[in-house]
Amino acid sequence: IASVILLSAVGGAVRLVERQKVKTRLKRLEQE
């Protein structure tokens, strides 16, 4: 259970960072 939770947390963090990168890129493209 701890392994599943840890992997889910790492996956969620990676997804959150990637989503933030996409939002930043989209905002930059909209400004351009």
PDB file of all heavy atoms in Angstrom:
ATOM      1  N   ILE A   1       0.840  -1.210   0.000  1.00  0.00           N
ATOM      2  CA  ILE A   1       0.000   0.000   0.000  1.00  0.00           C
ATOM      3  C   ILE A   1       0.869   1.251   0.000  1.00  0.00           C
ATOM      4  O   ILE A   1       0.608   2.208  -0.740  1.00  0.00           O
ATOM      5  CB  ILE A   1      -0.973  -0.010   1.200  1.00  0.00           C
ATOM      6  CG1 ILE A   1      -2.027  -1.099   1.013  1.00  0.00           C
ATOM      7  CG2 ILE A   1      -1.631   1.347   1.383  1.00  0.00           C
ATOM      8  CD1 ILE A   1      -2.922  -1.311   2.210  1.00  0.00           C
ATOM      9  N   ALA A   2       1.926   1.246   0.818  1.00  0.00           N
ATOM     10  CA  ALA A   2       2.827   2.401   0.865  1.00  0.00           C
ATOM     11  C   ALA A   2       3.510   2.620  -0.489  1.00  0.00           C
ATOM     12  O   ALA A   2       3.680   3.757  -0.929  1.00  0.00           O
ATOM     13  CB  ALA A   2       3.871   2.208   1.958  1.00  0.00           C
ATOM     14  N   SER A   3       3.873   1.537  -1.158  1.00  0.00           N
ATOM     15  CA  SER A   3       4.504   1.656  -2.480  1.00  0.00           C
ATOM     16  C   SER A   3       3.539   2.267  -3.491  1.00  0.00           C
ATOM     17  O   SER A   3       3.921   3.138  -4.282  1.00  0.00           O
ATOM     18  CB  SER A   3       4.980   0.295  -2.980  1.00  0.00           C
ATOM     19  OG  SER A   3       5.943  -0.246  -2.115  1.00  0.00           O
ATOM     20  N   VAL A   4       2.290   1.796  -3.469  1.00  0.00           N
ATOM     21  CA  VAL A   4       1.283   2.331  -4.396  1.00  0.00           C
ATOM     22  C   VAL A   4       1.048   3.816  -4.121  1.00  0.00           C
ATOM     23  O   VAL A   4       0.979   4.630  -5.054  1.00  0.00           O
ATOM     24  CB  VAL A   4      -0.032   1.528  -4.292  1.00  0.00           C
ATOM     25  CG1 VAL A   4      -1.167   2.238  -4.999  1.00  0.00           C
ATOM     26  CG2 VAL A   4       0.160   0.136  -4.843  1.00  0.00           C
ATOM     27  N   ILE A   5       0.960   4.182  -2.859  1.00  0.00           N
ATOM     28  CA  ILE A   5       0.746   5.588  -2.504  1.00  0.00           C
ATOM     29  C   ILE A   5       1.938   6.433  -2.934  1.00  0.00           C
ATOM     30  O   ILE A   5       1.773   7.522  -3.503  1.00  0.00           O
ATOM     31  CB  ILE A   5       0.473   5.732  -0.993  1.00  0.00           C
ATOM     32  CG1 ILE A   5      -0.900   5.147  -0.656  1.00  0.00           C
ATOM     33  CG2 ILE A   5       0.565   7.181  -0.542  1.00  0.00           C
ATOM     34  CD1 ILE A   5      -1.196   5.055   0.821  1.00  0.00           C
ATOM     35  N   LEU A   6       3.135   5.931  -2.694  1.00  0.00           N
ATOM     36  CA  LEU A   6       4.334   6.673  -3.081  1.00  0.00           C
ATOM     37  C   LEU A   6       4.410   6.848  -4.596  1.00  0.00           C
ATOM     38  O   LEU A   6       4.680   7.946  -5.092  1.00  0.00           O
ATOM     39  CB  LEU A   6       5.588   5.958  -2.574  1.00  0.00           C
ATOM     40  CG  LEU A   6       6.919   6.617  -2.908  1.00  0.00           C
ATOM     41  CD1 LEU A   6       7.016   7.964  -2.208  1.00  0.00           C
ATOM     42  CD2 LEU A   6       8.064   5.719  -2.500  1.00  0.00           C
ATOM     43  N   LEU A   7       4.147   5.783  -5.338  1.00  0.00           N
ATOM     44  CA  LEU A   7       4.176   5.878  -6.797  1.00  0.00           C
ATOM     45  C   LEU A   7       3.095   6.831  -7.312  1.00  0.00           C
ATOM     46  O   LEU A   7       3.320   7.580  -8.261  1.00  0.00           O
ATOM     47  CB  LEU A   7       4.022   4.501  -7.428  1.00  0.00           C
ATOM     48  CG  LEU A   7       5.230   3.574  -7.284  1.00  0.00           C
ATOM     49  CD1 LEU A   7       4.891   2.183  -7.820  1.00  0.00           C
ATOM     50  CD2 LEU A   7       6.434   4.140  -7.992  1.00  0.00           C
ATOM     51  N   SER A   8       1.921   6.786  -6.676  1.00  0.00           N
ATOM     52  CA  SER A   8       0.843   7.697  -7.076  1.00  0.00           C
ATOM     53  C   SER A   8       1.233   9.149  -6.802  1.00  0.00           C
ATOM     54  O   SER A   8       0.949  10.030  -7.610  1.00  0.00           O
ATOM     55  CB  SER A   8      -0.443   7.363  -6.319  1.00  0.00           C
ATOM     56  OG  SER A   8      -0.880   6.074  -6.648  1.00  0.00           O
ATOM     57  N   ALA A   9       1.871   9.383  -5.665  1.00  0.00           N
ATOM     58  CA  ALA A   9       2.297  10.745  -5.329  1.00  0.00           C
ATOM     59  C   ALA A   9       3.343  11.244  -6.316  1.00  0.00           C
ATOM     60  O   ALA A   9       3.269  12.385  -6.785  1.00  0.00           O
ATOM     61  CB  ALA A   9       2.845  10.787  -3.904  1.00  0.00           C
ATOM     62  N   VAL A  10       4.301  10.392  -6.654  1.00  0.00           N
ATOM     63  CA  VAL A  10       5.331  10.787  -7.621  1.00  0.00           C
ATOM     64  C   VAL A  10       4.691  11.039  -8.992  1.00  0.00           C
ATOM     65  O   VAL A  10       4.979  12.038  -9.654  1.00  0.00           O
ATOM     66  CB  VAL A  10       6.444   9.714  -7.713  1.00  0.00           C
ATOM     67  CG1 VAL A  10       7.352   9.977  -8.894  1.00  0.00           C
ATOM     68  CG2 VAL A  10       7.245   9.675  -6.421  1.00  0.00           C
ATOM     69  N   GLY A  11       3.807  10.144  -9.413  1.00  0.00           N
ATOM     70  CA  GLY A  11       3.113  10.328 -10.690  1.00  0.00           C
ATOM     71  C   GLY A  11       2.278  11.593 -10.696  1.00  0.00           C
ATOM     72  O   GLY A  11       2.258  12.330 -11.695  1.00  0.00           O
ATOM     73  N   GLY A  12       1.583  11.863  -9.600  1.00  0.00           N
ATOM     74  CA  GLY A  12       0.786  13.086  -9.510  1.00  0.00           C
ATOM     75  C   GLY A  12       1.646  14.338  -9.557  1.00  0.00           C
ATOM     76  O   GLY A  12       1.284  15.322 -10.194  1.00  0.00           O
ATOM     77  N   ALA A  13       2.785  14.284  -8.882  1.00  0.00           N
ATOM     78  CA  ALA A  13       3.695  15.435  -8.899  1.00  0.00           C
ATOM     79  C   ALA A  13       4.234  15.674 -10.303  1.00  0.00           C
ATOM     80  O   ALA A  13       4.298  16.826 -10.765  1.00  0.00           O
ATOM     81  CB  ALA A  13       4.841  15.212  -7.915  1.00  0.00           C
ATOM     82  N   VAL A  14       4.599  14.606 -10.993  1.00  0.00           N
ATOM     83  CA  VAL A  14       5.105  14.739 -12.365  1.00  0.00           C
ATOM     84  C   VAL A  14       4.012  15.311 -13.260  1.00  0.00           C
ATOM     85  O   VAL A  14       4.256  16.206 -14.078  1.00  0.00           O
ATOM     86  CB  VAL A  14       5.614  13.376 -12.896  1.00  0.00           C
ATOM     87  CG1 VAL A  14       5.850  13.426 -14.394  1.00  0.00           C
ATOM     88  CG2 VAL A  14       6.872  12.958 -12.170  1.00  0.00           C
ATOM     89  N   ARG A  15       2.801  14.800 -13.104  1.00  0.00           N
ATOM     90  CA  ARG A  15       1.692  15.300 -13.922  1.00  0.00           C
ATOM     91  C   ARG A  15       1.416  16.774 -13.640  1.00  0.00           C
ATOM     92  O   ARG A  15       1.148  17.555 -14.555  1.00  0.00           O
ATOM     93  CB  ARG A  15       0.444  14.466 -13.647  1.00  0.00           C
ATOM     94  CG  ARG A  15      -0.714  14.858 -14.513  1.00  0.00           C
ATOM     95  CD  ARG A  15      -1.861  13.897 -14.389  1.00  0.00           C
ATOM     96  NE  ARG A  15      -2.904  14.272 -15.329  1.00  0.00           N
ATOM     97  CZ  ARG A  15      -4.179  14.194 -15.077  1.00  0.00           C
ATOM     98  NH1 ARG A  15      -4.581  13.695 -13.925  1.00  0.00           N
ATOM     99  NH2 ARG A  15      -5.072  14.549 -15.958  1.00  0.00           N
ATOM    100  N   LEU A  16       1.485  17.155 -12.378  1.00  0.00           N
ATOM    101  CA  LEU A  16       1.254  18.544 -11.998  1.00  0.00           C
ATOM    102  C   LEU A  16       2.320  19.457 -12.605  1.00  0.00           C
ATOM    103  O   LEU A  16       1.996  20.516 -13.147  1.00  0.00           O
ATOM    104  CB  LEU A  16       1.267  18.671 -10.469  1.00  0.00           C
ATOM    105  CG  LEU A  16       0.826  19.988  -9.870  1.00  0.00           C
ATOM    106  CD1 LEU A  16      -0.645  20.233 -10.176  1.00  0.00           C
ATOM    107  CD2 LEU A  16       1.052  19.970  -8.378  1.00  0.00           C
ATOM    108  N   VAL A  17       3.570  19.027 -12.554  1.00  0.00           N
ATOM    109  CA  VAL A  17       4.655  19.830 -13.128  1.00  0.00           C
ATOM    110  C   VAL A  17       4.483  19.945 -14.640  1.00  0.00           C
ATOM    111  O   VAL A  17       4.631  21.039 -15.212  1.00  0.00           O
ATOM    112  CB  VAL A  17       6.027  19.222 -12.767  1.00  0.00           C
ATOM    113  CG1 VAL A  17       7.135  19.839 -13.584  1.00  0.00           C
ATOM    114  CG2 VAL A  17       6.311  19.375 -11.277  1.00  0.00           C
ATOM    115  N   GLU A  18       4.150  18.845 -15.293  1.00  0.00           N
ATOM    116  CA  GLU A  18       3.954  18.878 -16.743  1.00  0.00           C
ATOM    117  C   GLU A  18       2.775  19.760 -17.122  1.00  0.00           C
ATOM    118  O   GLU A  18       2.829  20.506 -18.104  1.00  0.00           O
ATOM    119  CB  GLU A  18       3.757  17.463 -17.293  1.00  0.00           C
ATOM    120  CG  GLU A  18       5.009  16.631 -17.290  1.00  0.00           C
ATOM    121  CD  GLU A  18       6.118  17.217 -18.135  1.00  0.00           C
ATOM    122  OE1 GLU A  18       5.840  17.726 -19.245  1.00  0.00           O
ATOM    123  OE2 GLU A  18       7.270  17.196 -17.677  1.00  0.00           O
ATOM    124  N   ARG A  19       1.702  19.678 -16.343  1.00  0.00           N
ATOM    125  CA  ARG A  19       0.525  20.515 -16.615  1.00  0.00           C
ATOM    126  C   ARG A  19       0.882  21.991 -16.474  1.00  0.00           C
ATOM    127  O   ARG A  19       0.467  22.824 -17.282  1.00  0.00           O
ATOM    128  CB  ARG A  19      -0.600  20.143 -15.660  1.00  0.00           C
ATOM    129  CG  ARG A  19      -1.845  20.991 -15.846  1.00  0.00           C
ATOM    130  CD  ARG A  19      -2.899  20.600 -14.873  1.00  0.00           C
ATOM    131  NE  ARG A  19      -3.816  19.719 -15.562  1.00  0.00           N
ATOM    132  CZ  ARG A  19      -4.860  19.167 -15.015  1.00  0.00           C
ATOM    133  NH1 ARG A  19      -5.096  19.341 -13.733  1.00  0.00           N
ATOM    134  NH2 ARG A  19      -5.660  18.401 -15.709  1.00  0.00           N
ATOM    135  N   GLN A  20       1.691  22.312 -15.456  1.00  0.00           N
ATOM    136  CA  GLN A  20       2.115  23.692 -15.246  1.00  0.00           C
ATOM    137  C   GLN A  20       2.980  24.166 -16.416  1.00  0.00           C
ATOM    138  O   GLN A  20       2.839  25.308 -16.877  1.00  0.00           O
ATOM    139  CB  GLN A  20       2.896  23.805 -13.929  1.00  0.00           C
ATOM    140  CG  GLN A  20       3.101  25.224 -13.473  1.00  0.00           C
ATOM    141  CD  GLN A  20       1.808  25.925 -13.127  1.00  0.00           C
ATOM    142  OE1 GLN A  20       0.823  25.311 -12.738  1.00  0.00           O
ATOM    143  NE2 GLN A  20       1.787  27.227 -13.294  1.00  0.00           N
ATOM    144  N   LYS A  21       3.851  23.286 -16.914  1.00  0.00           N
ATOM    145  CA  LYS A  21       4.679  23.641 -18.072  1.00  0.00           C
ATOM    146  C   LYS A  21       3.808  23.912 -19.290  1.00  0.00           C
ATOM    147  O   LYS A  21       4.049  24.858 -20.043  1.00  0.00           O
ATOM    148  CB  LYS A  21       5.664  22.513 -18.398  1.00  0.00           C
ATOM    149  CG  LYS A  21       6.844  22.453 -17.478  1.00  0.00           C
ATOM    150  CD  LYS A  21       7.775  21.323 -17.913  1.00  0.00           C
ATOM    151  CE  LYS A  21       8.954  21.165 -17.002  1.00  0.00           C
ATOM    152  NZ  LYS A  21       9.832  20.055 -17.431  1.00  0.00           N
ATOM    153  N   VAL A  22       2.791  23.079 -19.504  1.00  0.00           N
ATOM    154  CA  VAL A  22       1.897  23.260 -20.656  1.00  0.00           C
ATOM    155  C   VAL A  22       1.128  24.572 -20.519  1.00  0.00           C
ATOM    156  O   VAL A  22       0.978  25.314 -21.495  1.00  0.00           O
ATOM    157  CB  VAL A  22       0.938  22.059 -20.791  1.00  0.00           C
ATOM    158  CG1 VAL A  22      -0.181  22.352 -21.764  1.00  0.00           C
ATOM    159  CG2 VAL A  22       1.700  20.825 -21.217  1.00  0.00           C
ATOM    160  N   LYS A  23       0.659  24.884 -19.312  1.00  0.00           N
ATOM    161  CA  LYS A  23      -0.069  26.141 -19.102  1.00  0.00           C
ATOM    162  C   LYS A  23       0.833  27.339 -19.383  1.00  0.00           C
ATOM    163  O   LYS A  23       0.409  28.304 -20.016  1.00  0.00           O
ATOM    164  CB  LYS A  23      -0.593  26.226 -17.668  1.00  0.00           C
ATOM    165  CG  LYS A  23      -1.842  25.448 -17.423  1.00  0.00           C
ATOM    166  CD  LYS A  23      -2.335  25.666 -16.003  1.00  0.00           C
ATOM    167  CE  LYS A  23      -3.595  24.891 -15.730  1.00  0.00           C
ATOM    168  NZ  LYS A  23      -4.068  25.106 -14.349  1.00  0.00           N
ATOM    169  N   THR A  24       2.076  27.254 -18.927  1.00  0.00           N
ATOM    170  CA  THR A  24       3.024  28.344 -19.154  1.00  0.00           C
ATOM    171  C   THR A  24       3.294  28.515 -20.640  1.00  0.00           C
ATOM    172  O   THR A  24       3.306  29.644 -21.159  1.00  0.00           O
ATOM    173  CB  THR A  24       4.341  28.064 -18.404  1.00  0.00           C
ATOM    174  OG1 THR A  24       4.065  27.889 -17.018  1.00  0.00           O
ATOM    175  CG2 THR A  24       5.325  29.201 -18.581  1.00  0.00           C
ATOM    176  N   ARG A  25       3.482  27.404 -21.334  1.00  0.00           N
ATOM    177  CA  ARG A  25       3.740  27.468 -22.779  1.00  0.00           C
ATOM    178  C   ARG A  25       2.530  28.021 -23.526  1.00  0.00           C
ATOM    179  O   ARG A  25       2.660  28.836 -24.449  1.00  0.00           O
ATOM    180  CB  ARG A  25       4.082  26.074 -23.297  1.00  0.00           C
ATOM    181  CG  ARG A  25       4.485  26.073 -24.730  1.00  0.00           C
ATOM    182  CD  ARG A  25       5.055  24.737 -25.147  1.00  0.00           C
ATOM    183  NE  ARG A  25       5.487  24.801 -26.527  1.00  0.00           N
ATOM    184  CZ  ARG A  25       5.195  23.891 -27.433  1.00  0.00           C
ATOM    185  NH1 ARG A  25       4.525  22.821 -27.113  1.00  0.00           N
ATOM    186  NH2 ARG A  25       5.606  24.024 -28.661  1.00  0.00           N
ATOM    187  N   LEU A  26       1.320  27.574 -23.135  1.00  0.00           N
ATOM    188  CA  LEU A  26       0.101  28.061 -23.767  1.00  0.00           C
ATOM    189  C   LEU A  26      -0.071  29.561 -23.537  1.00  0.00           C
ATOM    190  O   LEU A  26      -0.431  30.297 -24.469  1.00  0.00           O
ATOM    191  CB  LEU A  26      -1.110  27.294 -23.229  1.00  0.00           C
ATOM    192  CG  LEU A  26      -2.451  27.623 -23.835  1.00  0.00           C
ATOM    193  CD1 LEU A  26      -2.454  27.302 -25.321  1.00  0.00           C
ATOM    194  CD2 LEU A  26      -3.546  26.846 -23.131  1.00  0.00           C
ATOM    195  N   LYS A  27       0.229  30.008 -22.334  1.00  0.00           N
ATOM    196  CA  LYS A  27       0.120  31.439 -22.038  1.00  0.00           C
ATOM    197  C   LYS A  27       1.103  32.236 -22.884  1.00  0.00           C
ATOM    198  O   LYS A  27       0.755  33.289 -23.429  1.00  0.00           O
ATOM    199  CB  LYS A  27       0.395  31.677 -20.553  1.00  0.00           C
ATOM    200  CG  LYS A  27       0.148  33.073 -20.103  1.00  0.00           C
ATOM    201  CD  LYS A  27       0.325  33.203 -18.603  1.00  0.00           C
ATOM    202  CE  LYS A  27       0.049  34.619 -18.139  1.00  0.00           C
ATOM    203  NZ  LYS A  27       0.221  34.766 -16.701  1.00  0.00           N
ATOM    204  N   ARG A  28       2.334  31.718 -23.021  1.00  0.00           N
ATOM    205  CA  ARG A  28       3.334  32.394 -23.838  1.00  0.00           C
ATOM    206  C   ARG A  28       2.883  32.456 -25.307  1.00  0.00           C
ATOM    207  O   ARG A  28       3.015  33.486 -25.970  1.00  0.00           O
ATOM    208  CB  ARG A  28       4.679  31.680 -23.725  1.00  0.00           C
ATOM    209  CG  ARG A  28       5.818  32.479 -24.351  1.00  0.00           C
ATOM    210  CD  ARG A  28       7.143  31.770 -24.285  1.00  0.00           C
ATOM    211  NE  ARG A  28       7.147  30.714 -25.295  1.00  0.00           N
ATOM    212  CZ  ARG A  28       7.350  29.426 -25.048  1.00  0.00           C
ATOM    213  NH1 ARG A  28       7.556  29.021 -23.825  1.00  0.00           N
ATOM    214  NH2 ARG A  28       7.349  28.531 -26.018  1.00  0.00           N
ATOM    215  N   LEU A  29       2.318  31.348 -25.808  1.00  0.00           N
ATOM    216  CA  LEU A  29       1.838  31.322 -27.189  1.00  0.00           C
ATOM    217  C   LEU A  29       0.683  32.293 -27.397  1.00  0.00           C
ATOM    218  O   LEU A  29       0.583  32.952 -28.442  1.00  0.00           O
ATOM    219  CB  LEU A  29       1.426  29.904 -27.584  1.00  0.00           C
ATOM    220  CG  LEU A  29       2.569  28.910 -27.772  1.00  0.00           C
ATOM    221  CD1 LEU A  29       2.012  27.508 -27.990  1.00  0.00           C
ATOM    222  CD2 LEU A  29       3.451  29.320 -28.931  1.00  0.00           C
ATOM    223  N   GLU A  30      -0.198  32.390 -26.396  1.00  0.00           N
ATOM    224  CA  GLU A  30      -1.308  33.341 -26.498  1.00  0.00           C
ATOM    225  C   GLU A  30      -0.794  34.779 -26.526  1.00  0.00           C
ATOM    226  O   GLU A  30      -1.306  35.613 -27.270  1.00  0.00           O
ATOM    227  CB  GLU A  30      -2.278  33.153 -25.340  1.00  0.00           C
ATOM    228  CG  GLU A  30      -3.127  31.906 -25.458  1.00  0.00           C
ATOM    229  CD  GLU A  30      -3.986  31.651 -24.229  1.00  0.00           C
ATOM    230  OE1 GLU A  30      -3.849  32.386 -23.224  1.00  0.00           O
ATOM    231  OE2 GLU A  30      -4.792  30.711 -24.274  1.00  0.00           O
ATOM    232  N   GLN A  31       0.234  35.065 -25.724  1.00  0.00           N
ATOM    233  CA  GLN A  31       0.817  36.401 -25.731  1.00  0.00           C
ATOM    234  C   GLN A  31       1.465  36.695 -27.079  1.00  0.00           C
ATOM    235  O   GLN A  31       1.327  37.797 -27.615  1.00  0.00           O
ATOM    236  CB  GLN A  31       1.851  36.545 -24.613  1.00  0.00           C
ATOM    237  CG  GLN A  31       1.242  36.604 -23.233  1.00  0.00           C
ATOM    238  CD  GLN A  31       2.290  36.574 -22.131  1.00  0.00           C
ATOM    239  OE1 GLN A  31       3.441  36.239 -22.364  1.00  0.00           O
ATOM    240  NE2 GLN A  31       1.877  36.915 -20.924  1.00  0.00           N
ATOM    241  N   GLU A  32       2.169  35.711 -27.632  1.00  0.00           N
ATOM    242  CA  GLU A  32       2.783  35.889 -28.941  1.00  0.00           C
ATOM    243  C   GLU A  32       1.722  36.113 -30.014  1.00  0.00           C
ATOM    244  O   GLU A  32       1.903  36.933 -30.916  1.00  0.00           O
ATOM    245  CB  GLU A  32       3.645  34.672 -29.293  1.00  0.00           C
ATOM    246  CG  GLU A  32       4.925  34.575 -28.508  1.00  0.00           C
ATOM    247  CD  GLU A  32       5.705  33.309 -28.795  1.00  0.00           C
ATOM    248  OE1 GLU A  32       5.297  32.518 -29.683  1.00  0.00           O
ATOM    249  OE2 GLU A  32       6.729  33.089 -28.126  1.00  0.00           O
TER     250      GLU A  32
END
